[in-house]
Amino acid sequence: MTEATVTADRAEVSLQGGTPEAQFSFALMYLNGRGVPRDEKQGVALLEKAAARGYAEAQFHLGARHATGQGVAQDADKAIAWCRKSADQGHVRAQYNLGLLLYSRKGASALEKKEAIDWFEKAANGGYAGAQNNLGLIYANGVEVPRDYPKALDLFARAAAQGDAAGQNNLGILYSTGQGVPQNHMQAAGWYAKAAALGYAAAQYNLADLYEIGKGVGQNIDIAAKWYRKAAEQGHLKAQFSLAQILARGGRRPQDMTDALFWYRKAAERGHVEAQLQVAKILDAGHGVERDTTEALRFYELAARQEIAEAQFRLGMFYDCGVDVDKDDEMALHWYGKAAEQDVARAQYNFGLMLAYGQGATADPVKAWQWLNLAEAAGVQRAARHRRSVETRLSGQQLAAAKAAVAEWTPKNKRLRDR
């Protein structure tokens, strides 16, 4: 008889009537394939037996499995019920998970969120670092409770002291911003460094940022790039963009446009709008890489649709000139108009010209005068001659309307900011 057979026989005995502790132990063996062939069905059956007999650790594991749908049907209500049974017995991880399940539940009521915070408090007081950090965030952000930075600081410090990377990073943020404690970038750097060494991407990014600007540490672009790269490789969006900027900038470090484009593109594909613009510009110019206007246009449009004025203007130029893309006056007029609304003087000039001479739309001398006047005021000297030419075609009433439009005009980006 093999050892695995003996173990399986013991597991069968436990399934039928062993102690809940033994049932739980054998459940883990089957679930992990440790000492016996992995058998999730048998493992869950043993877990359910132990949980039904009141074993808190089994209840916690069963609740966690129902929350994720691992080996059992995903069921939020069952997850909450099992976690609650375990939490009521003082199981700190169950208390924390119960808090998470209640707090993040879709359509959670204020009462459920209050109960969630109570469970976070219990788990935090029980020494669970994850709960301490999570509760600290709630107090730091003033979510569902009055903002309390000193309490947040204490909770983050308790988590950090246990080696919790998230708590260390959040403690660093409070020192960096001076919230609840005197601002101290050196202290912030120290906590970021601890969390960064544990592989925490957000802390790696924060530490890199301090090295790049030289706050709390000596400015060191090489070290900044090292930590940005570590965070970027873990998918940290801002780190990907910041690393790309350092690589593209060069200066004291050798410029590497191929690597810069790689990281800009990573961030751009995930919706980082400034990265989208940079990818487009690099590919458009063929700056250090092979020129690719098709991809440049794609990224210009992605950025333009997120209201980046420079991308809108450059798209207008592409369609206006018909270089590397079919000439399309309607599209050129559309994108020039978008950029003009954001106070791009050259776009205002081109938009006014197209309206003046009926390119892309029926000629509109009143609007043409308005945009040419704005471009002229912004320093586009060529706009004056065309504005005067358009003015000869306007009646007194039309000229008054055009002047009124100029007086009332406010850049779109300012209107958005002032809302």
Protein backbone atom coordinates (compact mmCIF):
# COMPACT_ATOMS: atom_id res chain seq x y z
CA MET A 1 0.00 0.00 0.00
CA THR A 2 1.44 3.36 -1.01
CA GLU A 3 1.72 6.40 1.20
CA ALA A 4 -0.76 8.23 -1.04
CA THR A 5 -3.27 5.38 -0.57
CA VAL A 6 -2.87 5.51 3.21
CA THR A 7 -3.29 9.27 3.17
CA ALA A 8 -6.36 8.99 0.98
CA ASP A 9 -7.85 6.40 3.32
CA ARG A 10 -7.30 8.72 6.28
CA ALA A 11 -8.91 11.54 4.34
CA GLU A 12 -11.93 9.33 3.69
CA VAL A 13 -12.20 8.64 7.43
CA SER A 14 -11.96 12.37 8.11
CA LEU A 15 -14.63 13.03 5.50
CA GLN A 16 -16.98 10.66 7.28
CA GLY A 17 -16.35 11.72 10.86
CA GLY A 18 -12.90 12.92 11.79
CA THR A 19 -12.25 16.08 13.75
CA PRO A 20 -12.90 19.37 11.89
CA GLU A 21 -9.20 20.20 12.27
CA ALA A 22 -8.28 16.95 10.48
CA GLN A 23 -10.93 17.53 7.83
CA PHE A 24 -9.49 20.97 7.16
CA SER A 25 -5.92 19.64 6.99
CA PHE A 26 -6.89 16.97 4.49
CA ALA A 27 -8.92 19.52 2.53
CA LEU A 28 -5.80 21.59 2.01
CA MET A 29 -3.87 18.49 0.97
CA TYR A 30 -6.38 17.69 -1.75
CA LEU A 31 -6.77 21.30 -2.86
CA ASN A 32 -3.00 21.77 -3.16
CA GLY A 33 -2.11 18.23 -4.30
CA ARG A 34 0.22 17.83 -1.34
CA GLY A 35 0.77 14.14 -0.36
CA VAL A 36 -2.24 13.05 -2.45
CA PRO A 37 -3.33 13.59 -6.08
CA ARG A 38 -4.91 17.00 -6.43
CA ASP A 39 -8.69 16.66 -6.19
CA GLU A 40 -10.56 19.94 -5.86
CA LYS A 41 -13.96 18.26 -5.50
CA GLN A 42 -12.78 16.12 -2.58
CA GLY A 43 -10.95 19.08 -1.05
CA VAL A 44 -14.04 21.30 -1.15
CA ALA A 45 -16.18 18.50 0.31
CA LEU A 46 -13.81 18.23 3.28
CA LEU A 47 -13.71 22.01 3.61
CA GLU A 48 -17.51 22.16 3.74
CA LYS A 49 -17.59 19.43 6.39
CA ALA A 50 -15.13 21.29 8.60
CA ALA A 51 -16.88 24.64 8.04
CA ALA A 52 -20.29 23.18 8.86
CA ARG A 53 -18.86 21.93 12.16
CA GLY A 54 -17.82 25.46 13.08
CA TYR A 55 -14.11 25.41 12.26
CA ALA A 56 -13.25 29.09 11.70
CA GLU A 57 -10.28 28.54 9.36
CA ALA A 58 -12.40 26.31 7.10
CA GLN A 59 -15.23 28.85 7.14
CA PHE A 60 -12.79 31.57 6.11
CA HIS A 61 -11.41 29.50 3.21
CA LEU A 62 -14.88 28.48 2.06
CA GLY A 63 -16.03 32.10 2.13
CA ALA A 64 -12.97 33.16 0.10
CA ARG A 65 -13.72 30.46 -2.48
CA HIS A 66 -17.34 31.54 -2.86
CA ALA A 67 -16.14 35.13 -3.32
CA THR A 68 -13.91 34.15 -6.27
CA GLY A 69 -15.76 31.10 -7.61
CA GLN A 70 -12.74 28.85 -7.06
CA GLY A 71 -13.92 25.23 -6.96
CA VAL A 72 -17.46 26.32 -6.00
CA ALA A 73 -20.15 28.47 -7.53
CA GLN A 74 -19.36 32.16 -7.13
CA ASP A 75 -21.89 33.48 -4.68
CA ALA A 76 -21.43 36.77 -2.82
CA ASP A 77 -24.15 35.97 -0.29
CA LYS A 78 -22.55 32.64 0.64
CA ALA A 79 -19.13 34.29 0.76
CA ILE A 80 -20.45 36.87 3.22
CA ALA A 81 -22.29 34.25 5.28
CA TRP A 82 -19.22 32.00 5.70
CA CYS A 83 -16.87 34.90 6.36
CA ARG A 84 -19.28 36.22 8.96
CA LYS A 85 -19.33 32.88 10.79
CA SER A 86 -15.54 32.85 10.86
CA ALA A 87 -15.28 36.56 11.73
CA ASP A 88 -17.64 36.12 14.66
CA GLN A 89 -15.10 33.67 16.09
CA GLY A 90 -12.37 36.31 15.93
CA HIS A 91 -10.65 35.17 12.73
CA VAL A 92 -8.90 38.41 11.67
CA ARG A 93 -8.50 37.60 7.97
CA ALA A 94 -12.17 36.66 7.82
CA GLN A 95 -13.02 39.96 9.53
CA TYR A 96 -10.98 41.80 6.91
CA ASN A 97 -12.49 39.86 4.00
CA LEU A 98 -16.00 40.37 5.37
CA GLY A 99 -15.29 44.09 5.49
CA LEU A 100 -14.10 44.04 1.87
CA LEU A 101 -17.11 42.03 0.71
CA LEU A 102 -19.57 44.37 2.41
CA TYR A 103 -17.77 47.58 1.46
CA SER A 104 -17.32 46.75 -2.22
CA ARG A 105 -20.69 45.09 -2.73
CA LYS A 106 -22.58 46.59 -5.66
CA GLY A 107 -25.17 49.02 -4.33
CA ALA A 108 -23.87 48.69 -0.78
CA SER A 109 -25.95 50.75 1.63
CA ALA A 110 -24.52 53.22 4.12
CA LEU A 111 -25.36 50.70 6.86
CA GLU A 112 -23.38 47.95 5.11
CA LYS A 113 -20.41 50.25 4.66
CA LYS A 114 -20.54 51.21 8.32
CA GLU A 115 -20.57 47.53 9.26
CA ALA A 116 -17.63 46.95 6.88
CA ILE A 117 -15.62 49.65 8.65
CA ASP A 118 -16.46 48.06 12.00
CA TRP A 119 -15.01 44.77 10.73
CA PHE A 120 -11.92 46.56 9.41
CA GLU A 121 -11.51 48.07 12.89
CA LYS A 122 -11.76 44.63 14.51
CA ALA A 123 -9.20 43.12 12.11
CA ALA A 124 -6.90 46.12 12.51
CA ASN A 125 -7.07 45.87 16.29
CA GLY A 126 -6.34 42.18 15.90
CA GLY A 127 -3.05 43.11 14.24
CA TYR A 128 -3.92 42.36 10.61
CA ALA A 129 -1.75 44.66 8.46
CA GLY A 130 -4.05 44.61 5.43
CA ALA A 131 -6.94 45.88 7.52
CA GLN A 132 -4.75 48.54 9.14
CA ASN A 133 -3.70 49.82 5.74
CA ASN A 134 -7.22 49.70 4.29
CA LEU A 135 -8.71 51.46 7.29
CA GLY A 136 -5.94 54.05 7.09
CA LEU A 137 -6.96 54.83 3.51
CA ILE A 138 -10.57 55.27 4.58
CA TYR A 139 -9.57 57.80 7.27
CA ALA A 140 -7.03 59.54 5.01
CA ASN A 141 -9.59 60.01 2.25
CA GLY A 142 -12.50 60.83 4.54
CA VAL A 143 -14.66 58.15 2.92
CA GLU A 144 -17.72 57.19 4.98
CA VAL A 145 -15.98 58.67 8.04
CA PRO A 146 -14.67 62.16 8.87
CA ARG A 147 -11.14 62.62 7.50
CA ASP A 148 -8.63 61.92 10.25
CA TYR A 149 -4.98 62.11 9.18
CA PRO A 150 -3.49 61.35 12.62
CA LYS A 151 -5.54 58.15 12.81
CA ALA A 152 -4.57 57.25 9.25
CA LEU A 153 -0.92 57.89 10.11
CA ASP A 154 -1.14 55.58 13.13
CA LEU A 155 -2.80 52.82 11.10
CA PHE A 156 -0.30 53.06 8.25
CA ALA A 157 2.57 53.04 10.76
CA ARG A 158 1.22 49.89 12.41
CA ALA A 159 0.95 48.15 9.04
CA ALA A 160 4.36 49.43 7.95
CA ALA A 161 5.99 48.14 11.14
CA GLN A 162 4.82 44.65 10.17
CA GLY A 163 6.55 44.95 6.79
CA ASP A 164 3.36 45.66 4.85
CA ALA A 165 4.48 47.32 1.61
CA ALA A 166 1.18 49.11 0.97
CA GLY A 167 1.26 50.59 4.48
CA GLN A 168 4.88 51.67 4.02
CA ASN A 169 4.03 53.35 0.73
CA ASN A 170 1.02 55.13 2.18
CA LEU A 171 3.05 56.28 5.16
CA GLY A 172 5.55 57.69 2.67
CA ILE A 173 2.77 59.55 0.89
CA LEU A 174 1.67 61.25 4.12
CA TYR A 175 5.24 62.36 4.83
CA SER A 176 5.67 63.51 1.24
CA THR A 177 2.46 65.58 1.24
CA GLY A 178 2.64 66.71 4.87
CA GLN A 179 -0.81 65.38 5.68
CA GLY A 180 -1.21 64.62 9.38
CA VAL A 181 2.54 65.01 9.94
CA PRO A 182 5.16 67.67 9.14
CA GLN A 183 6.25 67.33 5.52
CA ASN A 184 9.50 65.39 5.32
CA HIS A 185 10.67 64.12 1.93
CA MET A 186 13.61 62.27 3.49
CA GLN A 187 11.24 60.27 5.68
CA ALA A 188 8.99 59.69 2.68
CA ALA A 189 11.94 58.38 0.66
CA GLY A 190 12.87 56.01 3.47
CA TRP A 191 9.41 54.45 3.57
CA TYR A 192 9.13 54.32 -0.21
CA ALA A 193 12.52 52.56 -0.32
CA LYS A 194 11.33 49.87 2.12
CA ALA A 195 8.20 49.16 0.08
CA ALA A 196 10.08 49.40 -3.22
CA ALA A 197 12.57 46.77 -2.04
CA LEU A 198 9.58 44.47 -1.41
CA GLY A 199 8.56 44.91 -5.06
CA TYR A 200 5.63 47.29 -4.48
CA ALA A 201 5.20 49.08 -7.82
CA ALA A 202 3.54 52.24 -6.51
CA ALA A 203 6.40 52.78 -4.05
CA GLN A 204 8.96 52.15 -6.77
CA TYR A 205 7.31 54.86 -8.83
CA ASN A 206 7.13 57.28 -5.89
CA LEU A 207 10.78 56.67 -5.00
CA ALA A 208 11.83 57.17 -8.63
CA ASP A 209 9.93 60.45 -8.72
CA LEU A 210 11.87 61.74 -5.68
CA TYR A 211 15.19 60.77 -7.28
CA GLU A 212 14.22 62.42 -10.55
CA ILE A 213 13.43 65.78 -8.93
CA GLY A 214 15.90 65.46 -6.04
CA LYS A 215 13.55 65.75 -3.07
CA GLY A 216 14.60 64.03 0.14
CA VAL A 217 17.39 62.33 -1.78
CA GLY A 218 20.13 63.55 -4.07
CA GLN A 219 18.92 63.97 -7.63
CA ASN A 220 19.99 60.91 -9.60
CA ILE A 221 18.40 60.21 -12.99
CA ASP A 222 20.04 56.79 -13.27
CA ILE A 223 18.49 55.62 -9.99
CA ALA A 224 15.19 57.21 -10.98
CA ALA A 225 15.24 55.29 -14.27
CA LYS A 226 16.04 52.04 -12.44
CA TRP A 227 13.02 52.33 -10.14
CA TYR A 228 10.72 53.60 -12.90
CA ARG A 229 11.70 50.54 -14.94
CA LYS A 230 10.98 48.14 -12.07
CA ALA A 231 7.51 49.67 -11.62
CA ALA A 232 6.93 49.87 -15.38
CA GLU A 233 7.71 46.18 -15.78
CA GLN A 234 4.92 45.49 -13.29
CA GLY A 235 2.50 47.49 -15.42
CA HIS A 236 2.52 50.78 -13.47
CA LEU A 237 1.09 53.22 -16.01
CA LYS A 238 2.70 56.44 -14.77
CA ALA A 239 6.05 54.69 -14.41
CA GLN A 240 5.89 53.52 -18.01
CA PHE A 241 5.35 57.10 -19.17
CA SER A 242 8.00 58.59 -16.87
CA LEU A 243 10.59 56.00 -17.92
CA ALA A 244 9.86 56.76 -21.56
CA GLN A 245 10.37 60.47 -20.91
CA ILE A 246 13.79 59.89 -19.36
CA LEU A 247 14.84 57.63 -22.24
CA ALA A 248 13.63 60.10 -24.86
CA ARG A 249 15.12 63.14 -23.14
CA GLY A 250 18.71 61.96 -23.11
CA GLY A 251 20.96 64.65 -21.62
CA ARG A 252 23.18 63.13 -18.98
CA ARG A 253 21.93 59.70 -20.05
CA PRO A 254 22.24 58.41 -23.62
CA GLN A 255 19.02 58.95 -25.56
CA ASP A 256 17.30 55.69 -26.52
CA MET A 257 14.31 56.38 -28.76
CA THR A 258 13.64 52.70 -29.48
CA ASP A 259 13.23 51.90 -25.78
CA ALA A 260 11.40 55.17 -25.19
CA LEU A 261 8.91 54.34 -27.94
CA PHE A 262 8.41 50.88 -26.44
CA TRP A 263 7.38 52.31 -23.06
CA TYR A 264 5.42 55.22 -24.52
CA ARG A 265 3.47 52.70 -26.58
CA LYS A 266 2.84 50.50 -23.53
CA ALA A 267 1.29 53.46 -21.72
CA ALA A 268 -0.48 54.74 -24.84
CA GLU A 269 -2.24 51.45 -25.53
CA ARG A 270 -3.63 51.64 -21.99
CA GLY A 271 -5.12 55.09 -22.60
CA HIS A 272 -2.37 57.43 -21.30
CA VAL A 273 -3.15 60.46 -23.43
CA GLU A 274 0.24 62.20 -23.25
CA ALA A 275 1.90 58.92 -24.20
CA GLN A 276 -0.43 58.64 -27.19
CA LEU A 277 0.70 62.07 -28.38
CA GLN A 278 4.37 61.21 -27.91
CA VAL A 279 4.05 57.93 -29.81
CA ALA A 280 2.35 59.77 -32.66
CA LYS A 281 5.03 62.48 -32.80
CA ILE A 282 7.94 60.01 -32.71
CA LEU A 283 6.44 57.84 -35.46
CA ASP A 284 5.40 60.88 -37.50
CA ALA A 285 8.91 62.34 -37.45
CA GLY A 286 10.75 59.01 -37.56
CA HIS A 287 12.78 60.33 -34.65
CA GLY A 288 15.34 57.61 -33.94
CA VAL A 289 12.96 54.94 -35.23
CA GLU A 290 11.46 53.93 -38.56
CA ARG A 291 8.79 56.41 -39.68
CA ASP A 292 5.26 55.00 -39.63
CA THR A 293 2.58 57.54 -40.52
CA THR A 294 -0.23 54.99 -40.39
CA GLU A 295 0.47 54.29 -36.73
CA ALA A 296 1.18 57.97 -36.10
CA LEU A 297 -2.28 58.86 -37.38
CA ARG A 298 -3.87 56.21 -35.18
CA PHE A 299 -2.23 57.58 -32.05
CA TYR A 300 -2.89 61.21 -33.03
CA GLU A 301 -6.55 60.34 -33.31
CA LEU A 302 -6.59 58.53 -29.96
CA ALA A 303 -5.09 61.63 -28.31
CA ALA A 304 -7.28 64.02 -30.29
CA ARG A 305 -10.42 62.26 -29.15
CA GLN A 306 -9.26 62.86 -25.58
CA GLU A 307 -9.12 66.62 -26.30
CA ILE A 308 -5.36 66.99 -26.78
CA ALA A 309 -5.13 70.18 -28.82
CA GLU A 310 -1.76 69.50 -30.42
CA ALA A 311 -2.99 66.13 -31.69
CA GLN A 312 -6.13 67.76 -33.08
CA PHE A 313 -4.07 70.38 -34.93
CA ARG A 314 -1.65 67.81 -36.35
CA LEU A 315 -4.54 65.65 -37.56
CA GLY A 316 -5.95 68.72 -39.27
CA MET A 317 -2.59 69.27 -41.00
CA PHE A 318 -2.47 65.67 -42.21
CA TYR A 319 -5.91 65.86 -43.82
CA ASP A 320 -5.38 69.42 -45.09
CA CYS A 321 -2.10 68.67 -46.86
CA GLY A 322 -2.99 65.17 -48.01
CA VAL A 323 0.49 63.90 -47.19
CA ASP A 324 0.59 60.21 -46.19
CA VAL A 325 -3.20 60.22 -46.12
CA ASP A 326 -5.93 61.08 -48.62
CA LYS A 327 -6.68 64.80 -48.61
CA ASP A 328 -9.98 65.40 -46.81
CA ASP A 329 -11.07 69.01 -46.32
CA GLU A 330 -14.03 68.07 -44.12
CA MET A 331 -11.80 66.16 -41.72
CA ALA A 332 -9.20 68.91 -41.78
CA LEU A 333 -11.84 71.52 -40.97
CA HIS A 334 -13.23 69.34 -38.16
CA TRP A 335 -9.89 68.88 -36.41
CA TYR A 336 -8.72 72.46 -36.97
CA GLY A 337 -11.98 73.58 -35.37
CA LYS A 338 -11.43 71.37 -32.34
CA ALA A 339 -7.90 72.73 -31.84
CA ALA A 340 -9.02 76.32 -32.52
CA GLU A 341 -11.56 76.01 -29.72
CA GLN A 342 -8.64 75.15 -27.43
CA ASP A 343 -6.79 78.35 -28.36
CA VAL A 344 -4.21 76.93 -30.78
CA ALA A 345 -3.37 80.02 -32.84
CA ARG A 346 -2.23 78.22 -36.00
CA ALA A 347 -5.38 76.11 -35.92
CA GLN A 348 -7.47 79.28 -35.58
CA TYR A 349 -5.70 80.70 -38.63
CA ASN A 350 -6.17 77.58 -40.75
CA PHE A 351 -9.77 77.17 -39.57
CA GLY A 352 -10.52 80.79 -40.46
CA LEU A 353 -8.96 80.39 -43.93
CA MET A 354 -10.99 77.29 -44.70
CA LEU A 355 -14.21 78.99 -43.58
CA ALA A 356 -13.32 82.08 -45.60
CA TYR A 357 -12.86 80.21 -48.85
CA GLY A 358 -15.38 77.40 -48.42
CA GLN A 359 -13.00 74.48 -47.93
CA GLY A 360 -14.61 71.55 -46.15
CA ALA A 361 -17.87 73.44 -45.67
CA THR A 362 -19.90 76.28 -47.15
CA ALA A 363 -18.03 79.57 -46.82
CA ASP A 364 -18.91 81.47 -43.64
CA PRO A 365 -17.26 84.91 -43.70
CA VAL A 366 -18.61 85.91 -40.27
CA LYS A 367 -17.00 82.93 -38.52
CA ALA A 368 -13.94 83.25 -40.74
CA TRP A 369 -13.45 86.86 -39.58
CA GLN A 370 -13.85 85.77 -35.94
CA TRP A 371 -11.19 83.05 -36.13
CA LEU A 372 -8.77 85.08 -38.25
CA ASN A 373 -9.10 87.94 -35.79
CA LEU A 374 -8.32 85.61 -32.86
CA ALA A 375 -5.31 84.17 -34.72
CA GLU A 376 -4.07 87.68 -35.49
CA ALA A 377 -4.41 88.69 -31.84
CA ALA A 378 -2.39 85.59 -30.91
CA GLY A 379 0.46 86.70 -33.12
CA VAL A 380 -0.18 84.97 -36.47
CA GLN A 381 0.75 87.94 -38.67
CA ARG A 382 -0.53 86.39 -41.92
CA ALA A 383 -4.03 86.34 -40.46
CA ALA A 384 -4.39 90.14 -40.69
CA ARG A 385 -4.32 90.25 -44.51
CA HIS A 386 -6.95 87.54 -44.83
CA ARG A 387 -9.11 89.09 -42.13
CA ARG A 388 -9.11 92.40 -43.99
CA SER A 389 -10.01 90.58 -47.21
CA VAL A 390 -12.93 88.82 -45.53
CA GLU A 391 -14.07 92.08 -43.94
CA THR A 392 -14.77 93.59 -47.40
CA ARG A 393 -17.43 90.91 -47.86
CA LEU A 394 -19.26 91.67 -44.63
CA SER A 395 -22.20 93.96 -44.07
CA GLY A 396 -22.13 96.25 -41.05
CA GLN A 397 -24.47 93.91 -39.22
CA GLN A 398 -22.32 90.87 -40.01
CA LEU A 399 -19.14 92.64 -38.90
CA ALA A 400 -20.82 93.59 -35.62
CA ALA A 401 -21.83 89.94 -35.09
CA ALA A 402 -18.27 88.77 -35.80
CA LYS A 403 -16.82 91.30 -33.35
CA ALA A 404 -19.36 90.25 -30.71
CA ALA A 405 -18.34 86.60 -31.19
CA VAL A 406 -14.69 87.54 -30.63
CA ALA A 407 -15.57 89.49 -27.48
CA GLU A 408 -17.59 86.60 -26.07
CA TRP A 409 -15.23 83.81 -27.07
CA THR A 410 -13.53 81.81 -24.33
CA PRO A 411 -11.19 78.89 -25.04
CA LYS A 412 -12.87 75.53 -24.66
CA ASN A 413 -10.21 74.27 -22.24
CA LYS A 414 -10.86 77.28 -19.97
CA ARG A 415 -14.61 76.66 -20.08
CA LEU A 416 -14.02 73.07 -19.02
CA ARG A 417 -11.77 74.15 -16.15
CA ASP A 418 -14.25 76.74 -14.93
CA ARG A 419 -17.21 74.36 -14.71
